[in-house]
Amino acid sequence: MGAYNPMSYHNGSVWPHDNALCLAGLIRYGFTGDAQKVAEAVIDAASHFGHRLPELFCGFPRSDYPAPIPYPASCSPQAWAAAASLHIVHSLLRLTPDLATGRAWCSPAIPRRYLPVQVSNLRLGNSRLAMDIRHDGWDLAGLGSARITLIQAPPPPWLRKSDLPWRASINACPRPAAWAHPTYAFMGVAPKHGPAACISSRGERPRRTGVKERRR
C-alpha cells in the first residue's frame, strides 16, 4: 500500500458511507462526542455538494481548503452515499428496539446545533413512532400501541449474550481521540490497539491478529 495521498482512491480520500459506519460504531460503544463530530463534518461537507453526498471526495485538510475538493471520478449520485445520511440520522437517534423482549432503548444524541428536530412516521412493527427532540429534552410517541417498554438510556452494545459474534469477549479499547483526522470527517485510521483489535476470540489482550481470529 502506498503512502497517504489526499487524492488517492483508498489511501487518503473521504468516503461518506465509511464515515457513517464509523459513526455508528462510536455511538454504539459510548463515544458520543466523537460520533457527533463525524456527523457534523459529513453534514458540513454535504452542504458543498448540494446536500447530495458523492461517493467520495478528496482528503485535503479542512484548514487549507474551506470547501471539500471533489474527487474527479466520484459517482454522484450514488446509492450507498445516499444511504449514509439515513444511517447517520438512525445512529444519532439512538432508538434501538428489541421486539423479542418487548423493550426499546432511546437516548437521542443529535448535536445541539441542529435542535430542535422532529422525526415522524418511524415504523416499528405495525406502529408508527414520532420523536420530538429539543434543547431541554425529548419525547417519543407511539410506543403504547406496540406494547413496548421504553428504557430512556443508550442501548447496550449487545442486547443479549447470544448476540455476541464468534463468542467473543469484548476488551476495553482506548478512547479514539488520536484517530481524529484533519479533513472533513473521521477516516477510520486506528492506533495500535484500535477497534479492529478490540475483539479477541479467546479473551486475551487485544492484538492485530484479531480480524483473522474472527474468521476461524
N, C-alpha and C. Protein backbone atom coordinates (compact mmCIF):
# COMPACT_ATOMS: atom_id res chain seq x y z
N MET A 1 0.86 -1.19 0.00
CA MET A 1 0.00 0.00 0.00
C MET A 1 0.88 1.23 0.00
N GLY A 2 0.56 2.22 -0.82
CA GLY A 2 1.35 3.42 -0.92
C GLY A 2 1.11 4.36 0.26
N ALA A 3 1.85 5.46 0.27
CA ALA A 3 1.73 6.43 1.34
C ALA A 3 0.43 7.23 1.21
N TYR A 4 0.12 7.99 2.26
CA TYR A 4 -1.09 8.81 2.26
C TYR A 4 -1.06 9.81 1.11
N ASN A 5 -2.19 9.89 0.43
CA ASN A 5 -2.34 10.83 -0.68
C ASN A 5 -3.79 11.29 -0.68
N PRO A 6 -4.05 12.57 -0.44
CA PRO A 6 -5.44 13.04 -0.34
C PRO A 6 -6.26 12.85 -1.60
N MET A 7 -5.60 12.55 -2.73
CA MET A 7 -6.33 12.29 -3.97
C MET A 7 -6.31 10.82 -4.35
N SER A 8 -5.85 9.98 -3.44
CA SER A 8 -5.84 8.53 -3.69
C SER A 8 -7.22 7.95 -3.39
N TYR A 9 -7.65 7.02 -4.23
CA TYR A 9 -8.99 6.43 -4.07
C TYR A 9 -9.15 5.76 -2.71
N HIS A 10 -8.12 5.04 -2.25
CA HIS A 10 -8.21 4.31 -0.99
C HIS A 10 -7.22 4.77 0.07
N ASN A 11 -6.28 5.61 -0.28
CA ASN A 11 -5.22 5.98 0.67
C ASN A 11 -5.27 7.44 1.11
N GLY A 12 -6.43 8.03 1.17
CA GLY A 12 -6.49 9.41 1.64
C GLY A 12 -7.77 10.15 1.36
N SER A 13 -8.63 9.60 0.51
CA SER A 13 -9.90 10.27 0.22
C SER A 13 -10.89 10.03 1.36
N VAL A 14 -11.99 10.77 1.34
CA VAL A 14 -13.02 10.68 2.38
C VAL A 14 -14.27 10.05 1.77
N TRP A 15 -14.73 8.98 2.39
CA TRP A 15 -15.92 8.25 1.92
C TRP A 15 -17.06 8.47 2.92
N PRO A 16 -18.14 9.16 2.53
CA PRO A 16 -19.24 9.40 3.47
C PRO A 16 -19.82 8.13 4.08
N HIS A 17 -20.01 7.07 3.28
CA HIS A 17 -20.65 5.88 3.85
C HIS A 17 -19.73 5.18 4.85
N ASP A 18 -18.41 5.22 4.64
CA ASP A 18 -17.49 4.66 5.63
C ASP A 18 -17.55 5.46 6.93
N ASN A 19 -17.65 6.78 6.80
CA ASN A 19 -17.77 7.61 7.99
C ASN A 19 -19.06 7.33 8.74
N ALA A 20 -20.14 7.04 8.01
CA ALA A 20 -21.40 6.69 8.67
C ALA A 20 -21.25 5.40 9.47
N LEU A 21 -20.51 4.43 8.93
CA LEU A 21 -20.27 3.18 9.65
C LEU A 21 -19.41 3.43 10.89
N CYS A 22 -18.39 4.26 10.74
CA CYS A 22 -17.54 4.59 11.89
C CYS A 22 -18.35 5.29 12.97
N LEU A 23 -19.21 6.21 12.55
CA LEU A 23 -20.07 6.92 13.50
C LEU A 23 -20.96 5.96 14.26
N ALA A 24 -21.54 5.00 13.56
CA ALA A 24 -22.42 4.02 14.22
C ALA A 24 -21.66 3.23 15.27
N GLY A 25 -20.41 2.86 14.97
CA GLY A 25 -19.62 2.13 15.95
C GLY A 25 -19.26 2.98 17.15
N LEU A 26 -18.92 4.24 16.92
CA LEU A 26 -18.60 5.14 18.03
C LEU A 26 -19.81 5.34 18.93
N ILE A 27 -20.97 5.54 18.35
CA ILE A 27 -22.20 5.70 19.13
C ILE A 27 -22.48 4.42 19.93
N ARG A 28 -22.30 3.28 19.29
CA ARG A 28 -22.64 2.01 19.93
C ARG A 28 -21.81 1.76 21.18
N TYR A 29 -20.57 2.22 21.17
CA TYR A 29 -19.68 1.95 22.31
C TYR A 29 -19.47 3.17 23.18
N GLY A 30 -20.33 4.17 23.07
CA GLY A 30 -20.36 5.26 24.03
C GLY A 30 -19.51 6.47 23.73
N PHE A 31 -18.88 6.53 22.56
CA PHE A 31 -18.06 7.69 22.21
C PHE A 31 -18.94 8.73 21.50
N THR A 32 -19.91 9.25 22.25
CA THR A 32 -20.93 10.11 21.65
C THR A 32 -20.36 11.39 21.08
N GLY A 33 -19.48 12.06 21.82
CA GLY A 33 -18.90 13.31 21.34
C GLY A 33 -18.13 13.13 20.05
N ASP A 34 -17.37 12.04 19.95
CA ASP A 34 -16.61 11.77 18.73
C ASP A 34 -17.56 11.49 17.56
N ALA A 35 -18.64 10.75 17.84
CA ALA A 35 -19.62 10.46 16.79
C ALA A 35 -20.28 11.73 16.29
N GLN A 36 -20.59 12.64 17.20
CA GLN A 36 -21.21 13.90 16.78
C GLN A 36 -20.28 14.74 15.91
N LYS A 37 -18.98 14.70 16.19
CA LYS A 37 -18.01 15.42 15.35
C LYS A 37 -18.03 14.87 13.93
N VAL A 38 -18.10 13.53 13.82
CA VAL A 38 -18.16 12.91 12.49
C VAL A 38 -19.43 13.34 11.77
N ALA A 39 -20.55 13.30 12.48
CA ALA A 39 -21.83 13.68 11.86
C ALA A 39 -21.80 15.11 11.36
N GLU A 40 -21.32 16.02 12.19
CA GLU A 40 -21.29 17.43 11.79
C GLU A 40 -20.35 17.64 10.60
N ALA A 41 -19.23 16.91 10.58
CA ALA A 41 -18.28 17.06 9.48
C ALA A 41 -18.88 16.58 8.16
N VAL A 42 -19.56 15.43 8.19
CA VAL A 42 -20.16 14.91 6.97
C VAL A 42 -21.29 15.83 6.48
N ILE A 43 -22.09 16.33 7.41
CA ILE A 43 -23.19 17.22 7.03
C ILE A 43 -22.64 18.54 6.48
N ASP A 44 -21.55 19.04 7.09
CA ASP A 44 -20.92 20.26 6.56
C ASP A 44 -20.43 20.02 5.13
N ALA A 45 -19.83 18.87 4.91
CA ALA A 45 -19.34 18.56 3.56
C ALA A 45 -20.51 18.46 2.58
N ALA A 46 -21.62 17.87 3.01
CA ALA A 46 -22.77 17.70 2.13
C ALA A 46 -23.30 19.04 1.64
N SER A 47 -23.19 20.06 2.47
CA SER A 47 -23.71 21.38 2.07
C SER A 47 -22.96 21.95 0.86
N HIS A 48 -21.74 21.46 0.62
CA HIS A 48 -20.97 21.93 -0.53
C HIS A 48 -21.25 21.10 -1.80
N PHE A 49 -22.06 20.05 -1.65
CA PHE A 49 -22.42 19.21 -2.79
C PHE A 49 -23.92 19.26 -3.05
N GLY A 50 -24.55 20.38 -2.71
CA GLY A 50 -25.99 20.49 -2.90
C GLY A 50 -26.77 19.53 -2.03
N HIS A 51 -26.20 19.18 -0.87
CA HIS A 51 -26.80 18.23 0.08
C HIS A 51 -27.05 16.86 -0.55
N ARG A 52 -26.25 16.52 -1.54
CA ARG A 52 -26.28 15.18 -2.14
C ARG A 52 -24.85 14.65 -2.08
N LEU A 53 -24.60 13.82 -1.09
CA LEU A 53 -23.24 13.32 -0.86
C LEU A 53 -22.74 12.49 -2.04
N PRO A 54 -21.51 12.72 -2.46
CA PRO A 54 -20.92 11.89 -3.53
C PRO A 54 -20.35 10.61 -2.95
N GLU A 55 -19.90 9.76 -3.83
CA GLU A 55 -19.25 8.50 -3.42
C GLU A 55 -18.07 8.79 -2.49
N LEU A 56 -17.25 9.76 -2.84
CA LEU A 56 -16.09 10.16 -2.04
C LEU A 56 -15.66 11.54 -2.49
N PHE A 57 -14.79 12.17 -1.68
CA PHE A 57 -14.16 13.42 -2.10
C PHE A 57 -12.74 13.43 -1.56
N CYS A 58 -11.93 14.34 -2.05
CA CYS A 58 -10.50 14.35 -1.70
C CYS A 58 -10.30 14.68 -0.22
N GLY A 59 -9.23 14.14 0.33
CA GLY A 59 -8.98 14.27 1.76
C GLY A 59 -8.01 15.38 2.14
N PHE A 60 -8.08 16.50 1.44
CA PHE A 60 -7.22 17.62 1.81
C PHE A 60 -7.66 18.21 3.15
N PRO A 61 -6.72 18.72 3.95
CA PRO A 61 -7.09 19.28 5.25
C PRO A 61 -8.11 20.41 5.13
N ARG A 62 -9.05 20.43 6.05
CA ARG A 62 -10.08 21.47 6.03
C ARG A 62 -9.48 22.84 6.32
N SER A 63 -8.37 22.87 7.05
CA SER A 63 -7.72 24.14 7.35
C SER A 63 -7.12 24.79 6.11
N ASP A 64 -6.84 23.99 5.08
CA ASP A 64 -6.25 24.52 3.85
C ASP A 64 -7.28 24.90 2.80
N TYR A 65 -8.43 24.23 2.84
CA TYR A 65 -9.47 24.48 1.83
C TYR A 65 -10.82 24.63 2.53
N PRO A 66 -11.50 25.75 2.37
CA PRO A 66 -12.78 25.97 3.05
C PRO A 66 -13.89 25.04 2.58
N ALA A 67 -13.73 24.47 1.40
CA ALA A 67 -14.74 23.54 0.86
C ALA A 67 -14.04 22.26 0.43
N PRO A 68 -14.73 21.12 0.54
CA PRO A 68 -14.11 19.85 0.12
C PRO A 68 -13.83 19.85 -1.38
N ILE A 69 -12.72 19.24 -1.76
CA ILE A 69 -12.33 19.16 -3.16
C ILE A 69 -12.97 17.91 -3.78
N PRO A 70 -13.77 18.06 -4.81
CA PRO A 70 -14.41 16.88 -5.43
C PRO A 70 -13.37 15.90 -5.97
N TYR A 71 -13.69 14.62 -5.85
CA TYR A 71 -12.84 13.60 -6.44
C TYR A 71 -13.22 13.46 -7.91
N PRO A 72 -12.26 13.51 -8.82
CA PRO A 72 -12.60 13.59 -10.25
C PRO A 72 -13.50 12.48 -10.76
N ALA A 73 -13.28 11.24 -10.29
CA ALA A 73 -14.03 10.11 -10.83
C ALA A 73 -15.13 9.62 -9.89
N SER A 74 -15.50 10.44 -8.92
CA SER A 74 -16.51 10.03 -7.95
C SER A 74 -17.89 9.91 -8.59
N CYS A 75 -18.62 8.87 -8.21
CA CYS A 75 -20.01 8.71 -8.66
C CYS A 75 -20.92 9.62 -7.83
N SER A 76 -21.77 10.36 -8.50
CA SER A 76 -22.72 11.23 -7.81
C SER A 76 -23.92 11.47 -8.72
N PRO A 77 -25.10 11.01 -8.33
CA PRO A 77 -25.40 10.36 -7.05
C PRO A 77 -24.91 8.91 -7.00
N GLN A 78 -24.89 8.39 -5.79
CA GLN A 78 -24.51 7.00 -5.59
C GLN A 78 -25.31 6.43 -4.43
N ALA A 79 -25.71 5.18 -4.53
CA ALA A 79 -26.68 4.61 -3.59
C ALA A 79 -26.16 4.59 -2.16
N TRP A 80 -24.94 4.06 -1.94
CA TRP A 80 -24.51 3.93 -0.54
C TRP A 80 -24.14 5.28 0.05
N ALA A 81 -23.76 6.25 -0.78
CA ALA A 81 -23.53 7.60 -0.28
C ALA A 81 -24.86 8.23 0.15
N ALA A 82 -25.92 7.97 -0.62
CA ALA A 82 -27.24 8.47 -0.26
C ALA A 82 -27.72 7.83 1.04
N ALA A 83 -27.44 6.55 1.22
CA ALA A 83 -27.85 5.85 2.43
C ALA A 83 -27.09 6.32 3.66
N ALA A 84 -25.90 6.90 3.47
CA ALA A 84 -25.09 7.36 4.60
C ALA A 84 -25.84 8.37 5.45
N SER A 85 -26.58 9.27 4.82
CA SER A 85 -27.32 10.28 5.57
C SER A 85 -28.36 9.64 6.48
N LEU A 86 -29.09 8.67 5.96
CA LEU A 86 -30.09 7.98 6.78
C LEU A 86 -29.44 7.18 7.89
N HIS A 87 -28.29 6.57 7.61
CA HIS A 87 -27.57 5.81 8.64
C HIS A 87 -27.11 6.73 9.76
N ILE A 88 -26.65 7.93 9.41
CA ILE A 88 -26.21 8.89 10.42
C ILE A 88 -27.38 9.31 11.31
N VAL A 89 -28.52 9.62 10.69
CA VAL A 89 -29.69 10.00 11.48
C VAL A 89 -30.12 8.86 12.40
N HIS A 90 -30.15 7.65 11.87
CA HIS A 90 -30.53 6.48 12.67
C HIS A 90 -29.61 6.32 13.87
N SER A 91 -28.31 6.47 13.65
CA SER A 91 -27.35 6.30 14.74
C SER A 91 -27.52 7.38 15.81
N LEU A 92 -27.74 8.63 15.38
CA LEU A 92 -27.85 9.72 16.34
C LEU A 92 -29.17 9.70 17.11
N LEU A 93 -30.20 9.11 16.54
CA LEU A 93 -31.46 8.98 17.29
C LEU A 93 -31.32 8.01 18.46
N ARG A 94 -30.42 7.05 18.33
CA ARG A 94 -30.17 6.03 19.37
C ARG A 94 -31.48 5.39 19.83
N LEU A 95 -32.31 5.04 18.86
CA LEU A 95 -33.55 4.31 19.13
C LEU A 95 -33.32 2.86 18.71
N THR A 96 -33.28 1.97 19.70
CA THR A 96 -32.96 0.57 19.44
C THR A 96 -34.04 -0.33 20.04
N PRO A 97 -34.96 -0.83 19.23
CA PRO A 97 -36.00 -1.73 19.75
C PRO A 97 -35.51 -3.17 19.81
N ASP A 98 -36.04 -3.90 20.76
CA ASP A 98 -35.79 -5.34 20.87
C ASP A 98 -37.15 -5.99 21.06
N LEU A 99 -37.82 -6.26 19.95
CA LEU A 99 -39.20 -6.75 20.00
C LEU A 99 -39.31 -8.10 20.68
N ALA A 100 -38.24 -8.90 20.63
CA ALA A 100 -38.30 -10.23 21.25
C ALA A 100 -38.49 -10.14 22.75
N THR A 101 -37.98 -9.09 23.38
CA THR A 101 -38.13 -8.94 24.83
C THR A 101 -39.07 -7.80 25.20
N GLY A 102 -39.68 -7.15 24.20
CA GLY A 102 -40.64 -6.10 24.47
C GLY A 102 -40.02 -4.84 25.05
N ARG A 103 -38.80 -4.52 24.64
CA ARG A 103 -38.11 -3.35 25.16
C ARG A 103 -37.60 -2.48 24.01
N ALA A 104 -37.39 -1.21 24.33
CA ALA A 104 -36.78 -0.29 23.36
C ALA A 104 -35.95 0.72 24.13
N TRP A 105 -34.71 0.89 23.69
CA TRP A 105 -33.83 1.88 24.28
C TRP A 105 -33.87 3.14 23.43
N CYS A 106 -33.82 4.30 24.07
CA CYS A 106 -33.80 5.55 23.32
C CYS A 106 -33.08 6.63 24.13
N SER A 107 -32.15 7.29 23.50
CA SER A 107 -31.42 8.40 24.13
C SER A 107 -30.80 9.23 23.01
N PRO A 108 -31.58 10.12 22.39
CA PRO A 108 -31.10 10.86 21.22
C PRO A 108 -29.80 11.61 21.50
N ALA A 109 -28.93 11.62 20.49
CA ALA A 109 -27.64 12.31 20.61
C ALA A 109 -27.44 13.27 19.44
N ILE A 110 -28.49 13.96 19.05
CA ILE A 110 -28.41 14.92 17.96
C ILE A 110 -27.56 16.11 18.41
N PRO A 111 -26.55 16.52 17.64
CA PRO A 111 -25.76 17.71 18.01
C PRO A 111 -26.66 18.92 18.24
N ARG A 112 -26.34 19.72 19.24
CA ARG A 112 -27.19 20.83 19.65
C ARG A 112 -27.41 21.85 18.54
N ARG A 113 -26.48 21.96 17.63
CA ARG A 113 -26.61 22.97 16.57
C ARG A 113 -27.78 22.69 15.65
N TYR A 114 -28.28 21.44 15.65
CA TYR A 114 -29.39 21.07 14.76
C TYR A 114 -30.74 21.06 15.47
N LEU A 115 -30.76 21.32 16.77
CA LEU A 115 -32.02 21.26 17.51
C LEU A 115 -32.80 22.56 17.34
N PRO A 116 -34.15 22.46 17.41
CA PRO A 116 -34.97 21.27 17.63
C PRO A 116 -35.15 20.43 16.36
N VAL A 117 -35.43 19.15 16.58
CA VAL A 117 -35.63 18.21 15.47
C VAL A 117 -36.89 17.41 15.73
N GLN A 118 -37.69 17.24 14.70
CA GLN A 118 -38.87 16.39 14.78
C GLN A 118 -38.79 15.31 13.71
N VAL A 119 -39.00 14.08 14.11
CA VAL A 119 -38.97 12.93 13.20
C VAL A 119 -40.28 12.18 13.36
N SER A 120 -40.94 11.90 12.26
CA SER A 120 -42.23 11.22 12.33
C SER A 120 -42.26 10.04 11.38
N ASN A 121 -43.29 9.21 11.55
CA ASN A 121 -43.54 8.07 10.67
C ASN A 121 -42.43 7.02 10.73
N LEU A 122 -41.85 6.85 11.93
CA LEU A 122 -40.86 5.80 12.14
C LEU A 122 -41.58 4.48 12.37
N ARG A 123 -41.34 3.50 11.54
CA ARG A 123 -42.05 2.23 11.64
C ARG A 123 -41.42 1.33 12.70
N LEU A 124 -42.27 0.75 13.53
CA LEU A 124 -41.86 -0.28 14.49
C LEU A 124 -42.96 -1.32 14.52
N GLY A 125 -42.76 -2.42 13.81
CA GLY A 125 -43.83 -3.39 13.65
C GLY A 125 -44.99 -2.75 12.91
N ASN A 126 -46.18 -2.80 13.52
CA ASN A 126 -47.35 -2.17 12.92
C ASN A 126 -47.57 -0.75 13.42
N SER A 127 -46.68 -0.28 14.28
CA SER A 127 -46.82 1.06 14.86
C SER A 127 -45.97 2.07 14.10
N ARG A 128 -46.32 3.32 14.26
CA ARG A 128 -45.55 4.40 13.69
C ARG A 128 -45.22 5.39 14.80
N LEU A 129 -43.94 5.66 14.98
CA LEU A 129 -43.47 6.49 16.08
C LEU A 129 -43.16 7.90 15.61
N ALA A 130 -43.15 8.81 16.57
CA ALA A 130 -42.78 10.20 16.31
C ALA A 130 -41.88 10.67 17.44
N MET A 131 -40.80 11.39 17.08
CA MET A 131 -39.87 11.89 18.08
C MET A 131 -39.80 13.41 17.98
N ASP A 132 -39.77 14.05 19.13
CA ASP A 132 -39.62 15.50 19.23
C ASP A 132 -38.41 15.75 20.12
N ILE A 133 -37.31 16.23 19.53
CA ILE A 133 -36.05 16.39 20.26
C ILE A 133 -35.76 17.88 20.38
N ARG A 134 -35.62 18.34 21.64
CA ARG A 134 -35.43 19.77 21.92
C ARG A 134 -34.17 19.96 22.76
N HIS A 135 -33.83 21.22 23.00
CA HIS A 135 -32.68 21.51 23.84
C HIS A 135 -32.90 21.04 25.28
N ASP A 136 -34.17 21.07 25.73
CA ASP A 136 -34.46 20.74 27.13
C ASP A 136 -34.97 19.32 27.32
N GLY A 137 -34.93 18.48 26.28
CA GLY A 137 -35.38 17.10 26.44
C GLY A 137 -35.94 16.55 25.15
N TRP A 138 -36.62 15.43 25.25
CA TRP A 138 -37.18 14.79 24.06
C TRP A 138 -38.40 13.97 24.44
N ASP A 139 -39.26 13.72 23.46
CA ASP A 139 -40.46 12.90 23.63
C ASP A 139 -40.54 11.88 22.51
N LEU A 140 -41.04 10.70 22.85
CA LEU A 140 -41.26 9.64 21.86
C LEU A 140 -42.69 9.18 21.98
N ALA A 141 -43.46 9.31 20.91
CA ALA A 141 -44.87 8.95 20.91
C ALA A 141 -45.10 7.75 19.99
N GLY A 142 -46.06 6.89 20.36
CA GLY A 142 -46.46 5.78 19.52
C GLY A 142 -46.06 4.42 20.02
N LEU A 143 -45.28 4.34 21.11
CA LEU A 143 -44.85 3.03 21.61
C LEU A 143 -45.96 2.28 22.31
N GLY A 144 -46.95 3.02 22.82
CA GLY A 144 -48.02 2.36 23.57
C GLY A 144 -48.73 1.30 22.77
N SER A 145 -49.03 1.57 21.53
CA SER A 145 -49.75 0.61 20.70
C SER A 145 -48.88 -0.61 20.36
N ALA A 146 -47.56 -0.45 20.48
CA ALA A 146 -46.67 -1.57 20.18
C ALA A 146 -46.39 -2.44 21.40
N ARG A 147 -46.90 -2.03 22.56
CA ARG A 147 -46.69 -2.77 23.81
C ARG A 147 -45.19 -2.97 24.08
N ILE A 148 -44.47 -1.88 23.98
CA ILE A 148 -43.03 -1.88 24.19
C ILE A 148 -42.70 -1.03 25.41
N THR A 149 -41.84 -1.53 26.28
CA THR A 149 -41.37 -0.78 27.43
C THR A 149 -40.19 0.10 27.01
N LEU A 150 -40.31 1.39 27.27
CA LEU A 150 -39.27 2.32 26.86
C LEU A 150 -38.24 2.46 27.97
N ILE A 151 -36.97 2.29 27.61
CA ILE A 151 -35.85 2.49 28.52
C ILE A 151 -35.12 3.75 28.06
N GLN A 152 -35.18 4.80 28.87
CA GLN A 152 -34.60 6.08 28.47
C GLN A 152 -33.11 6.10 28.80
N ALA A 153 -32.36 5.37 28.00
CA ALA A 153 -30.91 5.25 28.17
C ALA A 153 -30.33 4.75 26.86
N PRO A 154 -29.03 4.98 26.64
CA PRO A 154 -28.40 4.43 25.43
C PRO A 154 -28.49 2.92 25.43
N PRO A 155 -28.68 2.31 24.28
CA PRO A 155 -28.73 0.84 24.23
C PRO A 155 -27.37 0.24 24.56
N PRO A 156 -27.35 -0.95 25.17
CA PRO A 156 -26.07 -1.62 25.41
C PRO A 156 -25.46 -2.05 24.08
N PRO A 157 -24.13 -2.23 24.01
CA PRO A 157 -23.51 -2.66 22.76
C PRO A 157 -24.11 -3.95 22.22
N TRP A 158 -24.45 -4.89 23.14
CA TRP A 158 -25.08 -6.14 22.74
C TRP A 158 -26.31 -6.33 23.59
N LEU A 159 -27.47 -6.50 22.97
CA LEU A 159 -28.72 -6.60 23.71
C LEU A 159 -28.82 -7.90 24.49
N ARG A 160 -28.31 -8.99 23.91
CA ARG A 160 -28.37 -10.29 24.58
C ARG A 160 -27.03 -10.99 24.40
N LYS A 161 -26.71 -11.86 25.35
CA LYS A 161 -25.44 -12.58 25.28
C LYS A 161 -25.33 -13.38 23.99
N SER A 162 -26.47 -13.89 23.52
CA SER A 162 -26.46 -14.70 22.29
C SER A 162 -26.11 -13.87 21.07
N ASP A 163 -26.18 -12.52 21.17
CA ASP A 163 -25.85 -11.65 20.05
C ASP A 163 -24.34 -11.50 19.85
N LEU A 164 -23.54 -11.87 20.84
CA LEU A 164 -22.10 -11.69 20.72
C LEU A 164 -21.55 -12.50 19.55
N PRO A 165 -20.85 -11.86 18.61
CA PRO A 165 -20.34 -12.60 17.46
C PRO A 165 -19.15 -13.46 17.82
N TRP A 166 -19.10 -14.65 17.26
CA TRP A 166 -17.98 -15.57 17.41
C TRP A 166 -17.68 -15.90 18.88
N ARG A 167 -18.68 -15.74 19.77
CA ARG A 167 -18.47 -15.97 21.20
C ARG A 167 -17.27 -15.18 21.72
N ALA A 168 -17.17 -13.97 21.25
CA ALA A 168 -16.01 -13.15 21.59
C ALA A 168 -16.17 -12.49 22.94
N SER A 169 -15.06 -12.14 23.55
CA SER A 169 -15.07 -11.31 24.73
C SER A 169 -14.64 -9.92 24.31
N ILE A 170 -15.31 -8.91 24.88
CA ILE A 170 -15.03 -7.54 24.50
C ILE A 170 -14.02 -6.96 25.48
N ASN A 171 -12.87 -6.56 25.00
CA ASN A 171 -11.85 -5.96 25.83
C ASN A 171 -11.95 -4.45 25.75
N ALA A 172 -11.47 -3.79 26.79
CA ALA A 172 -11.52 -2.33 26.84
C ALA A 172 -10.66 -1.74 25.73
N CYS A 173 -11.20 -0.76 25.05
CA CYS A 173 -10.49 -0.09 23.97
C CYS A 173 -10.11 1.31 24.42
N PRO A 174 -9.00 1.84 23.96
CA PRO A 174 -8.63 3.20 24.32
C PRO A 174 -9.54 4.21 23.67
N ARG A 175 -9.68 5.37 24.28
CA ARG A 175 -10.51 6.42 23.71
C ARG A 175 -9.93 6.86 22.37
N PRO A 176 -10.77 7.01 21.33
CA PRO A 176 -10.24 7.23 19.99
C PRO A 176 -9.88 8.67 19.67
N ALA A 177 -9.40 9.43 20.67
CA ALA A 177 -9.07 10.82 20.39
C ALA A 177 -7.95 10.93 19.36
N ALA A 178 -7.05 9.95 19.37
CA ALA A 178 -5.91 10.00 18.45
C ALA A 178 -6.31 9.66 17.02
N TRP A 179 -7.56 9.24 16.81
CA TRP A 179 -7.96 8.84 15.46
C TRP A 179 -8.48 10.02 14.65
N ALA A 180 -8.57 11.19 15.27
CA ALA A 180 -9.13 12.34 14.56
C ALA A 180 -8.29 12.65 13.34
N HIS A 181 -8.97 13.05 12.28
CA HIS A 181 -8.28 13.32 11.02
C HIS A 181 -8.51 14.77 10.66
N PRO A 182 -7.54 15.47 10.10
CA PRO A 182 -7.70 16.90 9.86
C PRO A 182 -8.62 17.25 8.70
N THR A 183 -9.23 16.26 8.05
CA THR A 183 -10.12 16.55 6.94
C THR A 183 -11.54 16.75 7.45
N TYR A 184 -12.51 16.59 6.59
CA TYR A 184 -13.89 16.88 6.97
C TYR A 184 -14.48 15.83 7.89
N ALA A 185 -13.91 14.65 7.93
CA ALA A 185 -14.55 13.60 8.71
C ALA A 185 -13.55 12.57 9.16
N PHE A 186 -14.03 11.71 10.02
CA PHE A 186 -13.23 10.63 10.58
C PHE A 186 -12.82 9.66 9.48
N MET A 187 -11.56 9.29 9.47
CA MET A 187 -11.04 8.46 8.39
C MET A 187 -10.92 6.99 8.75
N GLY A 188 -11.14 6.64 10.02
CA GLY A 188 -11.08 5.24 10.41
C GLY A 188 -9.66 4.70 10.52
N VAL A 189 -8.67 5.55 10.73
CA VAL A 189 -7.29 5.08 10.90
C VAL A 189 -7.06 4.87 12.38
N ALA A 190 -6.93 3.62 12.79
CA ALA A 190 -6.86 3.29 14.21
C ALA A 190 -5.44 3.21 14.71
N PRO A 191 -5.21 3.50 16.01
CA PRO A 191 -3.89 3.29 16.59
C PRO A 191 -3.61 1.82 16.78
N LYS A 192 -2.55 1.49 17.49
CA LYS A 192 -2.09 0.11 17.60
C LYS A 192 -3.18 -0.81 18.11
N HIS A 193 -3.90 -0.38 19.16
CA HIS A 193 -4.97 -1.22 19.71
C HIS A 193 -6.31 -0.57 19.43
N GLY A 194 -6.62 -0.36 18.15
CA GLY A 194 -7.86 0.28 17.75
C GLY A 194 -9.00 -0.71 17.65
N PRO A 195 -10.13 -0.32 17.05
CA PRO A 195 -11.33 -1.16 17.02
C PRO A 195 -11.11 -2.52 16.38
N ALA A 196 -10.25 -2.58 15.34
CA ALA A 196 -10.05 -3.86 14.67
C ALA A 196 -9.38 -4.88 15.57
N ALA A 197 -8.79 -4.41 16.69
CA ALA A 197 -8.08 -5.33 17.57
C ALA A 197 -8.78 -5.48 18.90
N CYS A 198 -10.02 -4.98 19.03
CA CYS A 198 -10.67 -4.97 20.32
C CYS A 198 -11.48 -6.23 20.60
N ILE A 199 -11.66 -7.09 19.64
CA ILE A 199 -12.43 -8.32 19.85
C ILE A 199 -11.47 -9.50 19.74
N SER A 200 -11.39 -10.25 20.80
CA SER A 200 -10.48 -11.39 20.85
C SER A 200 -11.28 -12.64 21.12
N SER A 201 -11.12 -13.67 20.31
CA SER A 201 -11.94 -14.86 20.43
C SER A 201 -11.61 -15.68 21.67
N ARG A 202 -10.45 -15.46 22.28
CA ARG A 202 -10.09 -16.24 23.47
C ARG A 202 -9.97 -15.39 24.72
N GLY A 203 -10.26 -14.08 24.61
CA GLY A 203 -10.29 -13.24 25.78
C GLY A 203 -8.95 -12.68 26.20
N GLU A 204 -7.89 -12.89 25.41
CA GLU A 204 -6.60 -12.34 25.80
C GLU A 204 -6.49 -10.89 25.38
N ARG A 205 -5.34 -10.29 25.66
CA ARG A 205 -5.11 -8.90 25.30
C ARG A 205 -5.36 -8.68 23.81
N PRO A 206 -6.04 -7.58 23.43
CA PRO A 206 -6.27 -7.32 22.01
C PRO A 206 -4.96 -7.26 21.25
N ARG A 207 -4.99 -7.74 20.03
CA ARG A 207 -3.81 -7.69 19.19
C ARG A 207 -4.23 -7.59 17.74
N ARG A 208 -3.27 -7.31 16.88
CA ARG A 208 -3.59 -7.02 15.49
C ARG A 208 -4.13 -8.22 14.73
N THR A 209 -3.97 -9.42 15.27
CA THR A 209 -4.46 -10.60 14.57
C THR A 209 -5.94 -10.86 14.83
N GLY A 210 -6.60 -9.93 15.52
CA GLY A 210 -7.99 -10.16 15.90
C GLY A 210 -8.90 -10.44 14.71
N VAL A 211 -8.68 -9.76 13.61
CA VAL A 211 -9.54 -9.94 12.43
C VAL A 211 -9.42 -11.35 11.92
N LYS A 212 -8.21 -11.89 11.84
CA LYS A 212 -8.03 -13.25 11.36
C LYS A 212 -8.66 -14.25 12.31
N GLU A 213 -8.57 -14.03 13.60
CA GLU A 213 -9.15 -14.95 14.57
C GLU A 213 -10.66 -15.06 14.42
N ARG A 214 -11.30 -13.95 14.07
CA ARG A 214 -12.76 -13.96 13.96
C ARG A 214 -13.23 -14.78 12.75
N ARG A 215 -12.35 -15.04 11.82
CA ARG A 215 -12.76 -15.78 10.63
C ARG A 215 -12.59 -17.28 10.79
N ARG A 216 -12.05 -17.72 11.91
CA ARG A 216 -11.85 -19.17 12.09
C ARG A 216 -13.17 -19.89 12.33
